[in-house]
Amino acid sequence: MFFVLSKTVSFMAMPLVLICILLGLSVILKNVKWKKRLLLTGLSFLLFFSNDFIANEAMLMWEIPPTPYNQMTKKYDYGILLTGVTSNDLLPDDRVYFSRGADRVVQTINLYKRGIINTIVISGGTGRLFTEARREADDLFKAMVMMGVDSSAMIIENESRNTYESAENLKRIIGSDANKSILLITSAFHMRRSKACFDKTGMEVEVFTTDFYTHPRYFSPDVLLVPKVEAINIWHKLFKEWAGMAAYWAAGYI
């Protein structure tokens, strides 16, 4: 029930959904005063959420900054790679279809080949509500073997449907022994919730962020004034994470 509810709430909280609802109501309602209010509110929201500068500033405050490789002197027993980076229901199924978050995989392989992590733990099944799909951890395992990672250096956890379940399942698989050093690898916007889930289980993990949505702070006219679809996408990511954080907190997951 929680799984279905959390997905539904995060969808309804999306800025573009809210804008469409406001604009739709401005057309449907007969009251002239409310039609005007809803129309102006919807247009104001559209301009605000499509502003590149505002969206970038908000994401800069939320993302966990990257860690330079030259500052990583510690070796880790495990590197936990959280999934959510492929389209795992596309056909033909003789390949892996990577999506926006593929940087998680690239940086995990980089960490492994640099000798920073000894064993890669791939965690994630399918997060779909109503349809079946291939287990994402299985797809990533095959792809990473093809990219030169030794299959014996990987552990698969392919049952979890969300980040909390990943943390719970991995606690059982690799334990919470303080002598084991663990590096958690996921997207920068997703790291706060992910780290909180692992902290809740008692697993001590350090973080390595990837897949950044932000860019350096610019004050050029195109950033300050021109509406951009990418800005709305950033707000969608933020709203989804904030809704997820609230839902996880209410459920006692963090």
C-alpha atoms as a PDB file:
ATOM      1  CA  MET A   1       0.000   0.000   0.000  1.00  0.00           C
ATOM      2  CA  PHE A   2       2.805   2.400   0.893  1.00  0.00           C
ATOM      3  CA  PHE A   3       4.557   1.642  -2.390  1.00  0.00           C
ATOM      4  CA  VAL A   4       1.441   2.571  -4.417  1.00  0.00           C
ATOM      5  CA  LEU A   5       0.652   5.642  -2.296  1.00  0.00           C
ATOM      6  CA  SER A   6       4.189   7.065  -2.453  1.00  0.00           C
ATOM      7  CA  LYS A   7       4.270   6.731  -6.250  1.00  0.00           C
ATOM      8  CA  THR A   8       0.859   8.395  -6.585  1.00  0.00           C
ATOM      9  CA  VAL A   9       1.664  11.317  -4.263  1.00  0.00           C
ATOM     10  CA  SER A  10       4.981  12.041  -5.982  1.00  0.00           C
ATOM     11  CA  PHE A  11       3.220  12.080  -9.360  1.00  0.00           C
ATOM     12  CA  MET A  12       0.515  14.489  -8.194  1.00  0.00           C
ATOM     13  CA  ALA A  13       3.128  16.838  -6.701  1.00  0.00           C
ATOM     14  CA  MET A  14       4.913  17.365 -10.013  1.00  0.00           C
ATOM     15  CA  PRO A  15       4.992  21.081 -11.014  1.00  0.00           C
ATOM     16  CA  LEU A  16       3.804  20.437 -14.567  1.00  0.00           C
ATOM     17  CA  VAL A  17       0.860  18.418 -13.265  1.00  0.00           C
ATOM     18  CA  LEU A  18      -0.082  21.260 -10.914  1.00  0.00           C
ATOM     19  CA  ILE A  19       0.224  23.800 -13.725  1.00  0.00           C
ATOM     20  CA  CYS A  20      -1.999  21.707 -16.006  1.00  0.00           C
ATOM     21  CA  ILE A  21      -4.593  21.350 -13.253  1.00  0.00           C
ATOM     22  CA  LEU A  22      -4.657  25.112 -12.648  1.00  0.00           C
ATOM     23  CA  LEU A  23      -4.918  25.943 -16.351  1.00  0.00           C
ATOM     24  CA  GLY A  24      -7.515  23.241 -16.873  1.00  0.00           C
ATOM     25  CA  LEU A  25      -9.674  24.575 -14.037  1.00  0.00           C
ATOM     26  CA  SER A  26      -9.350  28.105 -15.444  1.00  0.00           C
ATOM     27  CA  VAL A  27     -11.041  26.812 -18.593  1.00  0.00           C
ATOM     28  CA  ILE A  28     -13.688  24.622 -16.935  1.00  0.00           C
ATOM     29  CA  LEU A  29     -14.913  26.894 -14.136  1.00  0.00           C
ATOM     30  CA  LYS A  30     -17.661  29.395 -14.905  1.00  0.00           C
ATOM     31  CA  ASN A  31     -16.846  31.896 -12.147  1.00  0.00           C
ATOM     32  CA  VAL A  32     -15.010  34.740 -13.900  1.00  0.00           C
ATOM     33  CA  LYS A  33     -13.044  35.798 -10.811  1.00  0.00           C
ATOM     34  CA  TRP A  34     -11.726  32.283 -10.166  1.00  0.00           C
ATOM     35  CA  LYS A  35     -11.027  31.685 -13.857  1.00  0.00           C
ATOM     36  CA  LYS A  36      -8.764  34.737 -13.894  1.00  0.00           C
ATOM     37  CA  ARG A  37      -7.055  33.833 -10.619  1.00  0.00           C
ATOM     38  CA  LEU A  38      -6.349  30.277 -11.693  1.00  0.00           C
ATOM     39  CA  LEU A  39      -5.114  31.370 -15.113  1.00  0.00           C
ATOM     40  CA  LEU A  40      -2.719  33.944 -13.648  1.00  0.00           C
ATOM     41  CA  THR A  41      -1.517  31.474 -11.003  1.00  0.00           C
ATOM     42  CA  GLY A  42      -0.921  28.763 -13.608  1.00  0.00           C
ATOM     43  CA  LEU A  43       1.011  31.109 -15.887  1.00  0.00           C
ATOM     44  CA  SER A  44       3.038  32.463 -12.956  1.00  0.00           C
ATOM     45  CA  PHE A  45       3.941  28.919 -11.909  1.00  0.00           C
ATOM     46  CA  LEU A  46       4.915  28.108 -15.486  1.00  0.00           C
ATOM     47  CA  LEU A  47       7.286  31.086 -15.694  1.00  0.00           C
ATOM     48  CA  PHE A  48       8.763  30.367 -12.253  1.00  0.00           C
ATOM     49  CA  PHE A  49       9.367  26.652 -12.737  1.00  0.00           C
ATOM     50  CA  SER A  50      10.777  27.111 -16.261  1.00  0.00           C
ATOM     51  CA  ASN A  51      13.385  29.653 -15.127  1.00  0.00           C
ATOM     52  CA  ASP A  52      16.832  28.086 -15.506  1.00  0.00           C
ATOM     53  CA  PHE A  53      18.554  30.269 -12.905  1.00  0.00           C
ATOM     54  CA  ILE A  54      15.999  29.597 -10.151  1.00  0.00           C
ATOM     55  CA  ALA A  55      15.885  25.859 -10.856  1.00  0.00           C
ATOM     56  CA  ASN A  56      19.668  25.580 -10.886  1.00  0.00           C
ATOM     57  CA  GLU A  57      19.989  27.452  -7.579  1.00  0.00           C
ATOM     58  CA  ALA A  58      17.442  25.166  -5.942  1.00  0.00           C
ATOM     59  CA  MET A  59      19.195  22.023  -7.189  1.00  0.00           C
ATOM     60  CA  LEU A  60      22.617  23.378  -6.154  1.00  0.00           C
ATOM     61  CA  MET A  61      21.340  23.595  -2.585  1.00  0.00           C
ATOM     62  CA  TRP A  62      19.992  20.043  -2.701  1.00  0.00           C
ATOM     63  CA  GLU A  63      22.633  18.037  -4.564  1.00  0.00           C
ATOM     64  CA  ILE A  64      25.557  16.588  -2.607  1.00  0.00           C
ATOM     65  CA  PRO A  65      28.771  17.919  -4.255  1.00  0.00           C
ATOM     66  CA  PRO A  66      31.127  15.525  -6.098  1.00  0.00           C
ATOM     67  CA  THR A  67      34.210  14.015  -4.489  1.00  0.00           C
ATOM     68  CA  PRO A  68      37.475  14.554  -6.438  1.00  0.00           C
ATOM     69  CA  TYR A  69      39.280  11.280  -7.122  1.00  0.00           C
ATOM     70  CA  ASN A  70      42.576  12.745  -5.912  1.00  0.00           C
ATOM     71  CA  GLN A  71      41.014  13.175  -2.469  1.00  0.00           C
ATOM     72  CA  MET A  72      39.970   9.520  -2.227  1.00  0.00           C
ATOM     73  CA  THR A  73      42.803   7.795  -0.394  1.00  0.00           C
ATOM     74  CA  LYS A  74      40.636   5.164   1.300  1.00  0.00           C
ATOM     75  CA  LYS A  75      39.848   1.714  -0.133  1.00  0.00           C
ATOM     76  CA  TYR A  76      36.333   0.292   0.271  1.00  0.00           C
ATOM     77  CA  ASP A  77      35.255  -3.316   0.632  1.00  0.00           C
ATOM     78  CA  TYR A  78      31.961  -2.625  -1.112  1.00  0.00           C
ATOM     79  CA  GLY A  79      30.612  -0.050  -3.527  1.00  0.00           C
ATOM     80  CA  ILE A  80      26.802  -0.073  -3.538  1.00  0.00           C
ATOM     81  CA  LEU A  81      25.365   0.973  -6.901  1.00  0.00           C
ATOM     82  CA  LEU A  82      21.681   1.891  -6.693  1.00  0.00           C
ATOM     83  CA  THR A  83      19.762   1.263  -9.897  1.00  0.00           C
ATOM     84  CA  GLY A  84      17.206   3.422 -11.678  1.00  0.00           C
ATOM     85  CA  VAL A  85      19.323   4.104 -14.750  1.00  0.00           C
ATOM     86  CA  THR A  86      17.841   1.872 -17.469  1.00  0.00           C
ATOM     87  CA  SER A  87      14.632   1.347 -19.416  1.00  0.00           C
ATOM     88  CA  ASN A  88      14.150  -2.295 -18.560  1.00  0.00           C
ATOM     89  CA  ASP A  89      10.965  -3.113 -20.485  1.00  0.00           C
ATOM     90  CA  LEU A  90      12.085  -2.179 -24.009  1.00  0.00           C
ATOM     91  CA  LEU A  91      12.485  -4.827 -26.683  1.00  0.00           C
ATOM     92  CA  PRO A  92      14.420  -6.599 -28.020  1.00  0.00           C
ATOM     93  CA  ASP A  93      15.845  -7.671 -24.670  1.00  0.00           C
ATOM     94  CA  ASP A  94      19.267  -8.588 -26.091  1.00  0.00           C
ATOM     95  CA  ARG A  95      20.804  -5.314 -24.844  1.00  0.00           C
ATOM     96  CA  VAL A  96      20.674  -2.839 -21.974  1.00  0.00           C
ATOM     97  CA  TYR A  97      18.890   0.457 -22.618  1.00  0.00           C
ATOM     98  CA  PHE A  98      20.601   3.119 -20.506  1.00  0.00           C
ATOM     99  CA  SER A  99      18.783   6.323 -19.553  1.00  0.00           C
ATOM    100  CA  ARG A 100      19.759   9.693 -18.012  1.00  0.00           C
ATOM    101  CA  GLY A 101      21.362   8.266 -14.866  1.00  0.00           C
ATOM    102  CA  ALA A 102      23.942   6.088 -16.635  1.00  0.00           C
ATOM    103  CA  ASP A 103      26.702   8.184 -15.046  1.00  0.00           C
ATOM    104  CA  ARG A 104      26.137   6.089 -11.895  1.00  0.00           C
ATOM    105  CA  VAL A 105      27.377   3.032 -13.784  1.00  0.00           C
ATOM    106  CA  VAL A 106      30.287   4.805 -15.471  1.00  0.00           C
ATOM    107  CA  GLN A 107      31.608   6.211 -12.198  1.00  0.00           C
ATOM    108  CA  THR A 108      31.137   2.880 -10.391  1.00  0.00           C
ATOM    109  CA  ILE A 109      33.275   1.133 -12.998  1.00  0.00           C
ATOM    110  CA  ASN A 110      35.808   3.948 -12.721  1.00  0.00           C
ATOM    111  CA  LEU A 111      35.974   3.461  -8.948  1.00  0.00           C
ATOM    112  CA  TYR A 112      36.407  -0.296  -9.397  1.00  0.00           C
ATOM    113  CA  LYS A 113      39.162   0.009 -12.012  1.00  0.00           C
ATOM    114  CA  ARG A 114      40.991   2.588  -9.906  1.00  0.00           C
ATOM    115  CA  GLY A 115      41.032   0.037  -7.083  1.00  0.00           C
ATOM    116  CA  ILE A 116      38.958   2.268  -4.793  1.00  0.00           C
ATOM    117  CA  ILE A 117      36.216  -0.355  -4.354  1.00  0.00           C
ATOM    118  CA  ASN A 118      36.837  -4.085  -4.173  1.00  0.00           C
ATOM    119  CA  THR A 119      33.324  -5.471  -4.735  1.00  0.00           C
ATOM    120  CA  ILE A 120      30.433  -3.865  -6.604  1.00  0.00           C
ATOM    121  CA  VAL A 121      26.977  -4.460  -5.113  1.00  0.00           C
ATOM    122  CA  ILE A 122      24.197  -3.772  -7.638  1.00  0.00           C
ATOM    123  CA  SER A 123      20.862  -3.176  -5.933  1.00  0.00           C
ATOM    124  CA  GLY A 124      17.456  -2.825  -7.558  1.00  0.00           C
ATOM    125  CA  GLY A 125      14.653  -4.910  -9.027  1.00  0.00           C
ATOM    126  CA  THR A 126      11.759  -3.180 -10.729  1.00  0.00           C
ATOM    127  CA  GLY A 127       9.949  -0.131  -9.406  1.00  0.00           C
ATOM    128  CA  ARG A 128       6.883  -0.477 -11.616  1.00  0.00           C
ATOM    129  CA  LEU A 129       3.408  -0.431 -10.060  1.00  0.00           C
ATOM    130  CA  PHE A 130       1.288  -2.370 -12.526  1.00  0.00           C
ATOM    131  CA  THR A 131       3.545  -3.924 -15.148  1.00  0.00           C
ATOM    132  CA  GLU A 132       6.336  -6.458 -15.128  1.00  0.00           C
ATOM    133  CA  ALA A 133       9.832  -5.656 -16.321  1.00  0.00           C
ATOM    134  CA  ARG A 134      13.291  -7.166 -16.248  1.00  0.00           C
ATOM    135  CA  ARG A 135      15.164  -6.880 -12.960  1.00  0.00           C
ATOM    136  CA  GLU A 136      17.456  -3.905 -13.406  1.00  0.00           C
ATOM    137  CA  ALA A 137      20.290  -5.298 -11.310  1.00  0.00           C
ATOM    138  CA  ASP A 138      20.441  -8.293 -13.673  1.00  0.00           C
ATOM    139  CA  ASP A 139      20.681  -6.016 -16.703  1.00  0.00           C
ATOM    140  CA  LEU A 140      23.430  -3.915 -15.136  1.00  0.00           C
ATOM    141  CA  PHE A 141      25.362  -7.033 -14.146  1.00  0.00           C
ATOM    142  CA  LYS A 142      25.433  -8.195 -17.777  1.00  0.00           C
ATOM    143  CA  ALA A 143      26.388  -4.728 -19.026  1.00  0.00           C
ATOM    144  CA  MET A 144      29.206  -4.316 -16.519  1.00  0.00           C
ATOM    145  CA  VAL A 145      30.656  -7.720 -17.359  1.00  0.00           C
ATOM    146  CA  MET A 146      30.687  -6.605 -20.996  1.00  0.00           C
ATOM    147  CA  MET A 147      32.502  -3.422 -19.873  1.00  0.00           C
ATOM    148  CA  GLY A 148      35.299  -5.434 -18.284  1.00  0.00           C
ATOM    149  CA  VAL A 149      34.231  -5.911 -14.658  1.00  0.00           C
ATOM    150  CA  ASP A 150      34.995  -9.376 -13.290  1.00  0.00           C
ATOM    151  CA  SER A 151      31.721 -11.175 -12.568  1.00  0.00           C
ATOM    152  CA  SER A 152      33.205 -12.544  -9.335  1.00  0.00           C
ATOM    153  CA  ALA A 153      33.659  -8.952  -8.127  1.00  0.00           C
ATOM    154  CA  MET A 154      29.909  -8.242  -8.196  1.00  0.00           C
ATOM    155  CA  ILE A 155      26.970  -9.055  -5.936  1.00  0.00           C
ATOM    156  CA  ILE A 156      23.373  -8.740  -7.166  1.00  0.00           C
ATOM    157  CA  GLU A 157      20.350  -7.723  -5.102  1.00  0.00           C
ATOM    158  CA  ASN A 158      17.382  -7.744  -7.491  1.00  0.00           C
ATOM    159  CA  GLU A 159      14.322  -7.913  -5.220  1.00  0.00           C
ATOM    160  CA  SER A 160      14.010  -4.341  -3.952  1.00  0.00           C
ATOM    161  CA  ARG A 161      11.415  -1.951  -5.398  1.00  0.00           C
ATOM    162  CA  ASN A 162      12.658   1.244  -3.765  1.00  0.00           C
ATOM    163  CA  THR A 163      15.612   2.705  -1.886  1.00  0.00           C
ATOM    164  CA  TYR A 164      14.391   1.652   1.555  1.00  0.00           C
ATOM    165  CA  GLU A 165      14.030  -1.963   0.448  1.00  0.00           C
ATOM    166  CA  SER A 166      17.529  -1.809  -1.051  1.00  0.00           C
ATOM    167  CA  ALA A 167      18.960  -0.727   2.296  1.00  0.00           C
ATOM    168  CA  GLU A 168      17.056  -3.437   4.186  1.00  0.00           C
ATOM    169  CA  ASN A 169      18.015  -6.193   1.750  1.00  0.00           C
ATOM    170  CA  LEU A 170      21.673  -5.182   1.634  1.00  0.00           C
ATOM    171  CA  LYS A 171      21.885  -5.147   5.405  1.00  0.00           C
ATOM    172  CA  ARG A 172      20.999  -8.835   5.307  1.00  0.00           C
ATOM    173  CA  ILE A 173      23.376  -9.565   2.427  1.00  0.00           C
ATOM    174  CA  ILE A 174      26.539  -7.723   3.456  1.00  0.00           C
ATOM    175  CA  GLY A 175      25.669  -6.966   7.077  1.00  0.00           C
ATOM    176  CA  SER A 176      26.277  -3.940   9.273  1.00  0.00           C
ATOM    177  CA  ASP A 177      29.760  -4.924  10.479  1.00  0.00           C
ATOM    178  CA  ALA A 178      31.622  -1.697  11.238  1.00  0.00           C
ATOM    179  CA  ASN A 179      34.830  -3.316   9.973  1.00  0.00           C
ATOM    180  CA  LYS A 180      33.420  -3.364   6.434  1.00  0.00           C
ATOM    181  CA  SER A 181      33.951  -0.098   4.575  1.00  0.00           C
ATOM    182  CA  ILE A 182      31.067   0.762   2.236  1.00  0.00           C
ATOM    183  CA  LEU A 183      30.728   3.446  -0.429  1.00  0.00           C
ATOM    184  CA  LEU A 184      27.208   4.371  -1.546  1.00  0.00           C
ATOM    185  CA  ILE A 185      26.945   5.446  -5.200  1.00  0.00           C
ATOM    186  CA  THR A 186      23.895   7.186  -6.638  1.00  0.00           C
ATOM    187  CA  SER A 187      22.746  10.420  -8.282  1.00  0.00           C
ATOM    188  CA  ALA A 188      23.511  13.640  -6.439  1.00  0.00           C
ATOM    189  CA  PHE A 189      19.825  14.608  -6.163  1.00  0.00           C
ATOM    190  CA  HIS A 190      18.963  11.166  -4.734  1.00  0.00           C
ATOM    191  CA  MET A 191      21.780  10.877  -2.205  1.00  0.00           C
ATOM    192  CA  ARG A 192      20.134  12.554   0.813  1.00  0.00           C
ATOM    193  CA  ARG A 193      17.225  10.101   0.861  1.00  0.00           C
ATOM    194  CA  SER A 194      19.477   7.139   0.039  1.00  0.00           C
ATOM    195  CA  LYS A 195      21.955   7.904   2.819  1.00  0.00           C
ATOM    196  CA  ALA A 196      19.103   8.396   5.299  1.00  0.00           C
ATOM    197  CA  CYS A 197      17.709   4.946   4.429  1.00  0.00           C
ATOM    198  CA  PHE A 198      21.043   3.224   5.020  1.00  0.00           C
ATOM    199  CA  ASP A 199      21.602   5.187   8.237  1.00  0.00           C
ATOM    200  CA  LYS A 200      18.219   3.950   9.458  1.00  0.00           C
ATOM    201  CA  THR A 201      19.298   0.327   9.025  1.00  0.00           C
ATOM    202  CA  GLY A 202      22.477   0.934  11.002  1.00  0.00           C
ATOM    203  CA  MET A 203      24.788   0.463   8.032  1.00  0.00           C
ATOM    204  CA  GLU A 204      27.694   2.906   8.010  1.00  0.00           C
ATOM    205  CA  VAL A 205      28.230   4.167   4.481  1.00  0.00           C
ATOM    206  CA  GLU A 206      30.189   6.970   2.889  1.00  0.00           C
ATOM    207  CA  VAL A 207      28.832   8.683  -0.205  1.00  0.00           C
ATOM    208  CA  PHE A 208      29.933   9.220  -3.789  1.00  0.00           C
ATOM    209  CA  THR A 209      27.580  11.308  -5.907  1.00  0.00           C
ATOM    210  CA  THR A 210      27.138  11.152  -9.675  1.00  0.00           C
ATOM    211  CA  ASP A 211      24.711  12.287 -12.390  1.00  0.00           C
ATOM    212  CA  PHE A 212      24.583  16.011 -11.654  1.00  0.00           C
ATOM    213  CA  TYR A 213      21.715  18.179 -12.905  1.00  0.00           C
ATOM    214  CA  THR A 214      23.340  21.483 -11.957  1.00  0.00           C
ATOM    215  CA  HIS A 215      25.675  23.743 -13.891  1.00  0.00           C
ATOM    216  CA  PRO A 216      27.953  26.612 -12.756  1.00  0.00           C
ATOM    217  CA  ARG A 217      26.124  29.799 -11.770  1.00  0.00           C
ATOM    218  CA  TYR A 218      25.670  32.015 -14.824  1.00  0.00           C
ATOM    219  CA  PHE A 219      24.028  35.443 -15.107  1.00  0.00           C
ATOM    220  CA  SER A 220      23.587  35.498 -18.877  1.00  0.00           C
ATOM    221  CA  PRO A 221      20.216  36.521 -20.402  1.00  0.00           C
ATOM    222  CA  ASP A 222      19.399  32.985 -21.604  1.00  0.00           C
ATOM    223  CA  VAL A 223      19.773  31.637 -18.053  1.00  0.00           C
ATOM    224  CA  LEU A 224      17.986  34.508 -16.318  1.00  0.00           C
ATOM    225  CA  LEU A 225      15.138  35.165 -18.745  1.00  0.00           C
ATOM    226  CA  VAL A 226      14.515  32.405 -21.301  1.00  0.00           C
ATOM    227  CA  PRO A 227      12.056  29.662 -20.155  1.00  0.00           C
ATOM    228  CA  LYS A 228      13.531  26.158 -20.466  1.00  0.00           C
ATOM    229  CA  VAL A 229      12.046  22.680 -20.366  1.00  0.00           C
ATOM    230  CA  GLU A 230      15.177  21.489 -18.556  1.00  0.00           C
ATOM    231  CA  ALA A 231      14.325  23.767 -15.627  1.00  0.00           C
ATOM    232  CA  ILE A 232      10.909  22.137 -15.245  1.00  0.00           C
ATOM    233  CA  ASN A 233      12.598  18.733 -15.304  1.00  0.00           C
ATOM    234  CA  ILE A 234      14.893  19.803 -12.457  1.00  0.00           C
ATOM    235  CA  TRP A 235      11.890  20.848 -10.375  1.00  0.00           C
ATOM    236  CA  HIS A 236      10.243  17.504 -11.134  1.00  0.00           C
ATOM    237  CA  LYS A 237      13.290  15.727  -9.750  1.00  0.00           C
ATOM    238  CA  LEU A 238      13.282  17.922  -6.655  1.00  0.00           C
ATOM    239  CA  PHE A 239       9.558  17.577  -5.988  1.00  0.00           C
ATOM    240  CA  LYS A 240       9.789  13.806  -6.404  1.00  0.00           C
ATOM    241  CA  GLU A 241      12.650  13.637  -3.910  1.00  0.00           C
ATOM    242  CA  TRP A 242      10.913  15.931  -1.420  1.00  0.00           C
ATOM    243  CA  ALA A 243       7.707  13.906  -1.678  1.00  0.00           C
ATOM    244  CA  GLY A 244       9.768  10.743  -1.249  1.00  0.00           C
ATOM    245  CA  MET A 245      11.545  12.136   1.799  1.00  0.00           C
ATOM    246  CA  ALA A 246       8.201  13.101   3.363  1.00  0.00           C
ATOM    247  CA  ALA A 247       6.664   9.703   2.619  1.00  0.00           C
ATOM    248  CA  TYR A 248       9.701   7.827   3.949  1.00  0.00           C
ATOM    249  CA  TRP A 249       9.699   9.938   7.106  1.00  0.00           C
ATOM    250  CA  ALA A 250       5.974   9.310   7.665  1.00  0.00           C
ATOM    251  CA  ALA A 251       6.512   5.568   7.209  1.00  0.00           C
ATOM    252  CA  GLY A 252       9.517   5.520   9.546  1.00  0.00           C
ATOM    253  CA  TYR A 253      11.930   4.562   6.802  1.00  0.00           C
ATOM    254  CA  ILE A 254      14.299   7.438   7.586  1.00  0.00           C
END
